[in-house]
Amino acid sequence: MTAEPVRVLSLGAGVQSSALYRMSVEGIIAFDLAIFADTRDEPAAVYENLWALARLPGPPIIVGSRGSLAEHCIDASAQKTYARNPPLFVPTPHREQSMLRRKCTEDFKIGVIRQTLRKWLGVGPRGKPPKVRMYLGITTDEAHRQKTSRVQWIEHVYPLIKAGMSRSDCHAWFFGRGLPSPPKSACWHCPYRSDADWRRLRATAPGDFARAVRFDKAIRGGFKGMDRAEAFVHRSLVPLDDVEFSDSQIDLFGDECAGFCGV
């Protein structure tokens, strides 16, 4: 008889994945565990939400991490070594901006989740894990983010899309239960933030915004292998503390880091 797949929630602790976790508490959907891949750089409100979820009578939440992504990048910039960097903005010869290829997701999100899951399953690096059904909090308004797993033992599942739920529906789900909507999940230094997000971070989490300013200055010189002289957190190619944030709602990232940071 074939064993049932292990049911795992990729928990980013933002709006969509938090809705899925709370649905499991209510018995709407079932998980065996939830994994939070911690870059150590989430805004304070995301960690507060994570601890609130952990106090609920739901499936166990396992936290895995390979350390601070920000510290890794700052060290790599100072020593001019290769970095598993976010998609920072760099100038082109005409001073227009392009983005570095995102390298952080594989090591600081996907790799951490797989390593943490193997440890929880008791399977070593060369062992063969059982089948895993990985549930991802992606909604109908970002259906383009659906991707097939790159390893055979993990199957990606998108329950919110199957249920026809958008991000707004998730907010409504919380509102209908008298619960505040969780914060958006994304590193405080993430270049994918919209200007509206930067303004919100500066207003509601000035400590996190100050850290982002320091990070932006520290990685200005870039990393080994870059063919451009400078790197910036903001698309304007201006130091973050000098940026005049527009009223634009353009968001290059999508709605939240659904555990896989864009999958």
C-alpha atoms as a PDB file:
ATOM      1  CA  MET A   1       0.000   0.000   0.000  1.00  0.00           C
ATOM      2  CA  THR A   2       1.438   3.397  -1.012  1.00  0.00           C
ATOM      3  CA  ALA A   3       1.892   5.835   1.857  1.00  0.00           C
ATOM      4  CA  GLU A   4       0.067   9.141   1.659  1.00  0.00           C
ATOM      5  CA  PRO A   5       2.308  12.151   0.841  1.00  0.00           C
ATOM      6  CA  VAL A   6       3.500  14.276   3.736  1.00  0.00           C
ATOM      7  CA  ARG A   7       1.479  17.513   3.676  1.00  0.00           C
ATOM      8  CA  VAL A   8       3.665  20.592   4.179  1.00  0.00           C
ATOM      9  CA  LEU A   9       2.699  24.257   4.176  1.00  0.00           C
ATOM     10  CA  SER A  10       5.347  26.643   2.891  1.00  0.00           C
ATOM     11  CA  LEU A  11       4.734  29.383   5.441  1.00  0.00           C
ATOM     12  CA  GLY A  12       5.870  32.892   4.560  1.00  0.00           C
ATOM     13  CA  ALA A  13       3.797  34.366   7.438  1.00  0.00           C
ATOM     14  CA  GLY A  14       2.230  36.920   5.087  1.00  0.00           C
ATOM     15  CA  VAL A  15      -1.416  37.223   4.112  1.00  0.00           C
ATOM     16  CA  GLN A  16      -1.998  34.163   1.923  1.00  0.00           C
ATOM     17  CA  SER A  17       0.057  31.537   3.755  1.00  0.00           C
ATOM     18  CA  SER A  18      -1.253  32.777   7.120  1.00  0.00           C
ATOM     19  CA  ALA A  19      -4.790  32.319   5.821  1.00  0.00           C
ATOM     20  CA  LEU A  20      -3.936  28.721   4.919  1.00  0.00           C
ATOM     21  CA  TYR A  21      -2.444  28.090   8.357  1.00  0.00           C
ATOM     22  CA  ARG A  22      -5.523  29.467  10.095  1.00  0.00           C
ATOM     23  CA  MET A  23      -7.719  27.392   7.792  1.00  0.00           C
ATOM     24  CA  SER A  24      -5.876  24.334   9.071  1.00  0.00           C
ATOM     25  CA  VAL A  25      -6.629  25.401  12.647  1.00  0.00           C
ATOM     26  CA  GLU A  26     -10.327  25.522  11.708  1.00  0.00           C
ATOM     27  CA  GLY A  27     -10.150  22.103  10.054  1.00  0.00           C
ATOM     28  CA  ILE A  28     -10.779  23.433   6.544  1.00  0.00           C
ATOM     29  CA  ILE A  29      -7.494  22.021   5.243  1.00  0.00           C
ATOM     30  CA  ALA A  30      -4.962  19.673   6.811  1.00  0.00           C
ATOM     31  CA  PHE A  31      -1.166  19.881   7.035  1.00  0.00           C
ATOM     32  CA  ASP A  32       1.335  17.707   8.856  1.00  0.00           C
ATOM     33  CA  LEU A  33       3.642  20.656   9.436  1.00  0.00           C
ATOM     34  CA  ALA A  34       4.503  24.160   8.250  1.00  0.00           C
ATOM     35  CA  ILE A  35       8.010  25.365   7.427  1.00  0.00           C
ATOM     36  CA  PHE A  36       9.144  28.976   7.705  1.00  0.00           C
ATOM     37  CA  ALA A  37      12.412  29.674   5.854  1.00  0.00           C
ATOM     38  CA  ASP A  38      13.875  32.555   7.844  1.00  0.00           C
ATOM     39  CA  THR A  39      16.188  34.996   6.061  1.00  0.00           C
ATOM     40  CA  ARG A  40      16.477  36.773   9.445  1.00  0.00           C
ATOM     41  CA  ASP A  41      15.488  39.928   7.549  1.00  0.00           C
ATOM     42  CA  GLU A  42      11.694  39.988   7.666  1.00  0.00           C
ATOM     43  CA  PRO A  43       9.995  43.114   9.050  1.00  0.00           C
ATOM     44  CA  ALA A  44       9.211  42.937  12.760  1.00  0.00           C
ATOM     45  CA  ALA A  45       5.469  42.652  12.062  1.00  0.00           C
ATOM     46  CA  VAL A  46       5.993  39.423  10.119  1.00  0.00           C
ATOM     47  CA  TYR A  47       7.813  37.799  13.050  1.00  0.00           C
ATOM     48  CA  GLU A  48       5.073  38.979  15.405  1.00  0.00           C
ATOM     49  CA  ASN A  49       2.509  37.311  13.150  1.00  0.00           C
ATOM     50  CA  LEU A  50       4.610  34.133  12.984  1.00  0.00           C
ATOM     51  CA  TRP A  51       4.718  33.856  16.782  1.00  0.00           C
ATOM     52  CA  ALA A  52       0.976  34.487  16.940  1.00  0.00           C
ATOM     53  CA  LEU A  53       0.396  31.594  14.511  1.00  0.00           C
ATOM     54  CA  ALA A  54       2.729  29.367  16.527  1.00  0.00           C
ATOM     55  CA  ARG A  55       0.527  29.851  19.606  1.00  0.00           C
ATOM     56  CA  LEU A  56      -2.526  28.488  17.783  1.00  0.00           C
ATOM     57  CA  PRO A  57      -3.540  24.808  18.053  1.00  0.00           C
ATOM     58  CA  GLY A  58      -2.439  24.088  14.502  1.00  0.00           C
ATOM     59  CA  PRO A  59       0.232  21.923  12.876  1.00  0.00           C
ATOM     60  CA  PRO A  60       3.802  22.367  14.160  1.00  0.00           C
ATOM     61  CA  ILE A  61       5.754  25.271  12.681  1.00  0.00           C
ATOM     62  CA  ILE A  62       9.385  24.471  11.980  1.00  0.00           C
ATOM     63  CA  VAL A  63      11.799  27.367  11.420  1.00  0.00           C
ATOM     64  CA  GLY A  64      14.867  26.826   9.263  1.00  0.00           C
ATOM     65  CA  SER A  65      17.588  29.298   8.343  1.00  0.00           C
ATOM     66  CA  ARG A  66      21.078  29.593   6.903  1.00  0.00           C
ATOM     67  CA  GLY A  67      21.593  32.966   8.588  1.00  0.00           C
ATOM     68  CA  SER A  68      20.964  36.573   7.661  1.00  0.00           C
ATOM     69  CA  LEU A  69      20.740  37.270   3.942  1.00  0.00           C
ATOM     70  CA  ALA A  70      21.612  40.933   4.589  1.00  0.00           C
ATOM     71  CA  GLU A  71      24.768  40.064   6.530  1.00  0.00           C
ATOM     72  CA  HIS A  72      25.791  37.594   3.822  1.00  0.00           C
ATOM     73  CA  CYS A  73      25.460  40.276   1.132  1.00  0.00           C
ATOM     74  CA  ILE A  74      27.235  42.951   3.178  1.00  0.00           C
ATOM     75  CA  ASP A  75      30.160  40.591   3.846  1.00  0.00           C
ATOM     76  CA  ALA A  76      30.337  39.601   0.176  1.00  0.00           C
ATOM     77  CA  SER A  77      30.332  43.244  -0.938  1.00  0.00           C
ATOM     78  CA  ALA A  78      33.055  44.195   1.543  1.00  0.00           C
ATOM     79  CA  GLN A  79      35.279  41.294   0.509  1.00  0.00           C
ATOM     80  CA  LYS A  80      34.315  41.437  -3.182  1.00  0.00           C
ATOM     81  CA  THR A  81      33.261  37.791  -3.218  1.00  0.00           C
ATOM     82  CA  TYR A  82      30.307  36.130  -4.941  1.00  0.00           C
ATOM     83  CA  ALA A  83      26.940  36.624  -3.244  1.00  0.00           C
ATOM     84  CA  ARG A  84      23.551  34.943  -3.213  1.00  0.00           C
ATOM     85  CA  ASN A  85      22.156  38.403  -3.775  1.00  0.00           C
ATOM     86  CA  PRO A  86      18.638  39.784  -4.132  1.00  0.00           C
ATOM     87  CA  PRO A  87      17.750  41.292  -7.527  1.00  0.00           C
ATOM     88  CA  LEU A  88      19.441  44.627  -6.855  1.00  0.00           C
ATOM     89  CA  PHE A  89      19.232  47.469  -9.349  1.00  0.00           C
ATOM     90  CA  VAL A  90      22.327  48.385 -11.346  1.00  0.00           C
ATOM     91  CA  PRO A  91      22.900  51.164 -13.892  1.00  0.00           C
ATOM     92  CA  THR A  92      23.282  50.516 -17.596  1.00  0.00           C
ATOM     93  CA  PRO A  93      25.713  52.568 -19.727  1.00  0.00           C
ATOM     94  CA  HIS A  94      22.863  55.048 -20.319  1.00  0.00           C
ATOM     95  CA  ARG A  95      22.140  55.345 -16.570  1.00  0.00           C
ATOM     96  CA  GLU A  96      18.923  53.433 -16.960  1.00  0.00           C
ATOM     97  CA  GLN A  97      18.446  50.579 -14.524  1.00  0.00           C
ATOM     98  CA  SER A  98      18.443  46.842 -14.893  1.00  0.00           C
ATOM     99  CA  MET A  99      18.337  44.173 -12.206  1.00  0.00           C
ATOM    100  CA  LEU A 100      20.853  41.603 -11.103  1.00  0.00           C
ATOM    101  CA  ARG A 101      19.678  38.021 -11.407  1.00  0.00           C
ATOM    102  CA  ARG A 102      17.998  36.956  -8.168  1.00  0.00           C
ATOM    103  CA  LYS A 103      20.178  34.360  -6.443  1.00  0.00           C
ATOM    104  CA  CYS A 104      18.870  34.520  -2.883  1.00  0.00           C
ATOM    105  CA  THR A 105      15.746  32.401  -3.351  1.00  0.00           C
ATOM    106  CA  GLU A 106      17.491  29.118  -4.066  1.00  0.00           C
ATOM    107  CA  ASP A 107      19.803  29.147  -1.030  1.00  0.00           C
ATOM    108  CA  PHE A 108      17.892  31.188   1.537  1.00  0.00           C
ATOM    109  CA  LYS A 109      14.368  29.918   0.791  1.00  0.00           C
ATOM    110  CA  ILE A 110      14.021  26.787  -1.349  1.00  0.00           C
ATOM    111  CA  GLY A 111      17.226  25.150  -0.120  1.00  0.00           C
ATOM    112  CA  VAL A 112      16.395  25.902   3.516  1.00  0.00           C
ATOM    113  CA  ILE A 113      12.894  24.452   3.182  1.00  0.00           C
ATOM    114  CA  ARG A 114      14.182  21.240   1.606  1.00  0.00           C
ATOM    115  CA  GLN A 115      16.997  20.865   4.140  1.00  0.00           C
ATOM    116  CA  THR A 116      14.639  21.522   7.057  1.00  0.00           C
ATOM    117  CA  LEU A 117      12.108  19.079   5.649  1.00  0.00           C
ATOM    118  CA  ARG A 118      14.757  16.363   5.200  1.00  0.00           C
ATOM    119  CA  LYS A 119      15.855  16.846   8.808  1.00  0.00           C
ATOM    120  CA  TRP A 120      12.267  16.628  10.059  1.00  0.00           C
ATOM    121  CA  LEU A 121      11.748  13.465   8.002  1.00  0.00           C
ATOM    122  CA  GLY A 122      15.014  11.987   9.275  1.00  0.00           C
ATOM    123  CA  VAL A 123      16.426  11.632   5.755  1.00  0.00           C
ATOM    124  CA  GLY A 124      20.064  12.496   5.076  1.00  0.00           C
ATOM    125  CA  PRO A 125      21.413  14.373   2.040  1.00  0.00           C
ATOM    126  CA  ARG A 126      21.750  11.137   0.033  1.00  0.00           C
ATOM    127  CA  GLY A 127      18.635   9.443   1.357  1.00  0.00           C
ATOM    128  CA  LYS A 128      15.413   9.096  -0.572  1.00  0.00           C
ATOM    129  CA  PRO A 129      12.622  11.136   1.039  1.00  0.00           C
ATOM    130  CA  PRO A 130       8.976  10.084   0.929  1.00  0.00           C
ATOM    131  CA  LYS A 131       6.604  11.950  -1.339  1.00  0.00           C
ATOM    132  CA  VAL A 132       5.773  15.450  -0.108  1.00  0.00           C
ATOM    133  CA  ARG A 133       2.829  17.609  -1.071  1.00  0.00           C
ATOM    134  CA  MET A 134       3.977  21.233  -0.671  1.00  0.00           C
ATOM    135  CA  TYR A 135       1.129  23.723  -0.270  1.00  0.00           C
ATOM    136  CA  LEU A 136       1.890  27.261  -1.447  1.00  0.00           C
ATOM    137  CA  GLY A 137      -0.102  30.400  -0.623  1.00  0.00           C
ATOM    138  CA  ILE A 138      -0.490  31.810  -4.123  1.00  0.00           C
ATOM    139  CA  THR A 139      -3.806  33.365  -5.129  1.00  0.00           C
ATOM    140  CA  THR A 140      -5.715  33.799  -8.396  1.00  0.00           C
ATOM    141  CA  ASP A 141      -4.376  37.316  -8.984  1.00  0.00           C
ATOM    142  CA  GLU A 142      -0.826  35.940  -9.148  1.00  0.00           C
ATOM    143  CA  ALA A 143      -1.494  32.594 -10.800  1.00  0.00           C
ATOM    144  CA  HIS A 144       1.513  33.169 -13.069  1.00  0.00           C
ATOM    145  CA  ARG A 145       3.729  32.356 -10.081  1.00  0.00           C
ATOM    146  CA  GLN A 146       2.658  28.707 -10.150  1.00  0.00           C
ATOM    147  CA  LYS A 147       5.601  26.452 -10.920  1.00  0.00           C
ATOM    148  CA  THR A 148       6.304  22.747 -10.915  1.00  0.00           C
ATOM    149  CA  SER A 149       8.747  21.492  -8.299  1.00  0.00           C
ATOM    150  CA  ARG A 150      12.257  20.856  -9.558  1.00  0.00           C
ATOM    151  CA  VAL A 151      12.649  17.735  -7.419  1.00  0.00           C
ATOM    152  CA  GLN A 152      10.611  14.586  -7.987  1.00  0.00           C
ATOM    153  CA  TRP A 153       9.776  13.946  -4.344  1.00  0.00           C
ATOM    154  CA  ILE A 154       7.956  17.283  -3.900  1.00  0.00           C
ATOM    155  CA  GLU A 155       4.646  18.158  -5.568  1.00  0.00           C
ATOM    156  CA  HIS A 156       3.491  21.766  -5.496  1.00  0.00           C
ATOM    157  CA  VAL A 157      -0.156  22.384  -4.626  1.00  0.00           C
ATOM    158  CA  TYR A 158      -2.027  25.697  -4.841  1.00  0.00           C
ATOM    159  CA  PRO A 159      -5.158  25.393  -2.681  1.00  0.00           C
ATOM    160  CA  LEU A 160      -6.121  29.086  -2.775  1.00  0.00           C
ATOM    161  CA  ILE A 161      -6.148  29.079  -6.570  1.00  0.00           C
ATOM    162  CA  LYS A 162      -8.185  25.872  -6.535  1.00  0.00           C
ATOM    163  CA  ALA A 163     -10.650  27.586  -4.203  1.00  0.00           C
ATOM    164  CA  GLY A 164     -10.830  30.608  -6.530  1.00  0.00           C
ATOM    165  CA  MET A 165      -9.467  32.961  -3.851  1.00  0.00           C
ATOM    166  CA  SER A 166      -7.655  36.219  -4.567  1.00  0.00           C
ATOM    167  CA  ARG A 167      -5.510  38.190  -2.152  1.00  0.00           C
ATOM    168  CA  SER A 168      -8.529  40.428  -1.482  1.00  0.00           C
ATOM    169  CA  ASP A 169     -10.551  37.315  -0.653  1.00  0.00           C
ATOM    170  CA  CYS A 170      -7.896  36.393   1.932  1.00  0.00           C
ATOM    171  CA  HIS A 171      -8.228  39.839   3.519  1.00  0.00           C
ATOM    172  CA  ALA A 172     -12.003  39.369   3.546  1.00  0.00           C
ATOM    173  CA  TRP A 173     -11.565  35.934   5.138  1.00  0.00           C
ATOM    174  CA  PHE A 174      -9.667  37.497   8.035  1.00  0.00           C
ATOM    175  CA  PHE A 175     -12.136  40.387   8.300  1.00  0.00           C
ATOM    176  CA  GLY A 176     -15.066  37.987   8.460  1.00  0.00           C
ATOM    177  CA  ARG A 177     -13.523  36.373  11.525  1.00  0.00           C
ATOM    178  CA  GLY A 178     -12.733  39.637  13.272  1.00  0.00           C
ATOM    179  CA  LEU A 179      -9.017  39.138  12.710  1.00  0.00           C
ATOM    180  CA  PRO A 180      -6.521  41.738  11.476  1.00  0.00           C
ATOM    181  CA  SER A 181      -4.910  40.930   8.144  1.00  0.00           C
ATOM    182  CA  PRO A 182      -1.282  39.865   8.472  1.00  0.00           C
ATOM    183  CA  PRO A 183       1.479  42.093   7.095  1.00  0.00           C
ATOM    184  CA  LYS A 184       3.049  41.541   3.710  1.00  0.00           C
ATOM    185  CA  SER A 185       5.968  39.129   3.843  1.00  0.00           C
ATOM    186  CA  ALA A 186       9.161  40.337   2.131  1.00  0.00           C
ATOM    187  CA  CYS A 187      12.651  41.127   3.398  1.00  0.00           C
ATOM    188  CA  TRP A 188      13.024  44.722   4.568  1.00  0.00           C
ATOM    189  CA  HIS A 189      15.767  45.210   1.949  1.00  0.00           C
ATOM    190  CA  CYS A 190      13.910  43.545  -0.943  1.00  0.00           C
ATOM    191  CA  PRO A 191      14.311  45.550  -4.190  1.00  0.00           C
ATOM    192  CA  TYR A 192      10.922  44.285  -5.388  1.00  0.00           C
ATOM    193  CA  ARG A 193       9.144  46.632  -2.958  1.00  0.00           C
ATOM    194  CA  SER A 194       6.916  49.268  -4.523  1.00  0.00           C
ATOM    195  CA  ASP A 195       7.234  52.905  -3.460  1.00  0.00           C
ATOM    196  CA  ALA A 196       4.014  52.467  -1.497  1.00  0.00           C
ATOM    197  CA  ASP A 197       5.645  49.595   0.381  1.00  0.00           C
ATOM    198  CA  TRP A 198       8.778  51.628   1.075  1.00  0.00           C
ATOM    199  CA  ARG A 199       6.667  54.471   2.446  1.00  0.00           C
ATOM    200  CA  ARG A 200       4.708  52.044   4.589  1.00  0.00           C
ATOM    201  CA  LEU A 201       7.891  50.444   5.938  1.00  0.00           C
ATOM    202  CA  ARG A 202       9.346  53.849   6.776  1.00  0.00           C
ATOM    203  CA  ALA A 203       6.147  54.932   8.551  1.00  0.00           C
ATOM    204  CA  THR A 204       5.314  51.737  10.451  1.00  0.00           C
ATOM    205  CA  ALA A 205       8.737  50.159  11.011  1.00  0.00           C
ATOM    206  CA  PRO A 206      11.344  52.940  11.081  1.00  0.00           C
ATOM    207  CA  GLY A 207      13.918  50.588  12.587  1.00  0.00           C
ATOM    208  CA  ASP A 208      13.580  48.186   9.640  1.00  0.00           C
ATOM    209  CA  PHE A 209      13.697  51.093   7.183  1.00  0.00           C
ATOM    210  CA  ALA A 210      16.886  52.377   8.838  1.00  0.00           C
ATOM    211  CA  ARG A 211      18.428  48.925   8.471  1.00  0.00           C
ATOM    212  CA  ALA A 212      17.461  48.942   4.785  1.00  0.00           C
ATOM    213  CA  VAL A 213      19.193  52.320   4.379  1.00  0.00           C
ATOM    214  CA  ARG A 214      22.374  50.940   5.966  1.00  0.00           C
ATOM    215  CA  PHE A 215      22.170  47.817   3.806  1.00  0.00           C
ATOM    216  CA  ASP A 216      21.747  49.911   0.657  1.00  0.00           C
ATOM    217  CA  LYS A 217      24.898  51.895   1.465  1.00  0.00           C
ATOM    218  CA  ALA A 218      26.895  48.800   2.424  1.00  0.00           C
ATOM    219  CA  ILE A 219      26.293  46.941  -0.866  1.00  0.00           C
ATOM    220  CA  ARG A 220      26.853  49.960  -3.107  1.00  0.00           C
ATOM    221  CA  GLY A 221      30.124  48.540  -4.447  1.00  0.00           C
ATOM    222  CA  GLY A 222      28.473  45.315  -5.574  1.00  0.00           C
ATOM    223  CA  PHE A 223      29.924  41.826  -5.615  1.00  0.00           C
ATOM    224  CA  LYS A 224      32.490  39.769  -7.445  1.00  0.00           C
ATOM    225  CA  GLY A 225      31.340  38.888 -10.953  1.00  0.00           C
ATOM    226  CA  MET A 226      29.288  42.051 -11.495  1.00  0.00           C
ATOM    227  CA  ASP A 227      29.930  43.939 -14.700  1.00  0.00           C
ATOM    228  CA  ARG A 228      28.503  47.165 -13.247  1.00  0.00           C
ATOM    229  CA  ALA A 229      30.157  49.452 -10.723  1.00  0.00           C
ATOM    230  CA  GLU A 230      27.259  50.041  -8.359  1.00  0.00           C
ATOM    231  CA  ALA A 231      24.219  48.311  -6.883  1.00  0.00           C
ATOM    232  CA  PHE A 232      21.108  49.899  -5.369  1.00  0.00           C
ATOM    233  CA  VAL A 233      18.040  48.720  -3.483  1.00  0.00           C
ATOM    234  CA  HIS A 234      15.756  51.241  -5.232  1.00  0.00           C
ATOM    235  CA  ARG A 235      15.030  51.350  -8.957  1.00  0.00           C
ATOM    236  CA  SER A 236      15.823  55.092  -9.112  1.00  0.00           C
ATOM    237  CA  LEU A 237      19.549  54.329  -8.592  1.00  0.00           C
ATOM    238  CA  VAL A 238      19.489  56.818  -5.743  1.00  0.00           C
ATOM    239  CA  PRO A 239      20.542  56.044  -2.139  1.00  0.00           C
ATOM    240  CA  LEU A 240      17.454  54.828  -0.308  1.00  0.00           C
ATOM    241  CA  ASP A 241      17.429  57.628   2.266  1.00  0.00           C
ATOM    242  CA  ASP A 242      17.418  60.199  -0.569  1.00  0.00           C
ATOM    243  CA  VAL A 243      14.596  58.655  -2.606  1.00  0.00           C
ATOM    244  CA  GLU A 244      11.418  60.679  -3.053  1.00  0.00           C
ATOM    245  CA  PHE A 245       8.920  57.847  -3.139  1.00  0.00           C
ATOM    246  CA  SER A 246       6.203  58.290  -5.749  1.00  0.00           C
ATOM    247  CA  ASP A 247       2.521  57.515  -5.427  1.00  0.00           C
ATOM    248  CA  SER A 248       2.913  54.611  -7.830  1.00  0.00           C
ATOM    249  CA  GLN A 249       1.449  51.312  -6.705  1.00  0.00           C
ATOM    250  CA  ILE A 250       3.605  49.309  -9.126  1.00  0.00           C
ATOM    251  CA  ASP A 251       4.853  46.203  -7.362  1.00  0.00           C
ATOM    252  CA  LEU A 252       7.468  44.124  -9.148  1.00  0.00           C
ATOM    253  CA  PHE A 253       7.282  41.367  -6.594  1.00  0.00           C
ATOM    254  CA  GLY A 254       3.702  40.221  -6.455  1.00  0.00           C
ATOM    255  CA  ASP A 255       1.753  39.988  -3.274  1.00  0.00           C
ATOM    256  CA  GLU A 256       4.032  38.386  -0.744  1.00  0.00           C
ATOM    257  CA  CYS A 257       6.853  36.023  -0.152  1.00  0.00           C
ATOM    258  CA  ALA A 258       4.861  32.809  -0.116  1.00  0.00           C
ATOM    259  CA  GLY A 259       7.669  30.872   1.527  1.00  0.00           C
ATOM    260  CA  PHE A 260       9.519  30.392  -1.747  1.00  0.00           C
ATOM    261  CA  CYS A 261       9.962  34.123  -2.438  1.00  0.00           C
ATOM    262  CA  GLY A 262       8.412  33.972  -5.877  1.00  0.00           C
ATOM    263  CA  VAL A 263       8.798  30.155  -6.079  1.00  0.00           C
END
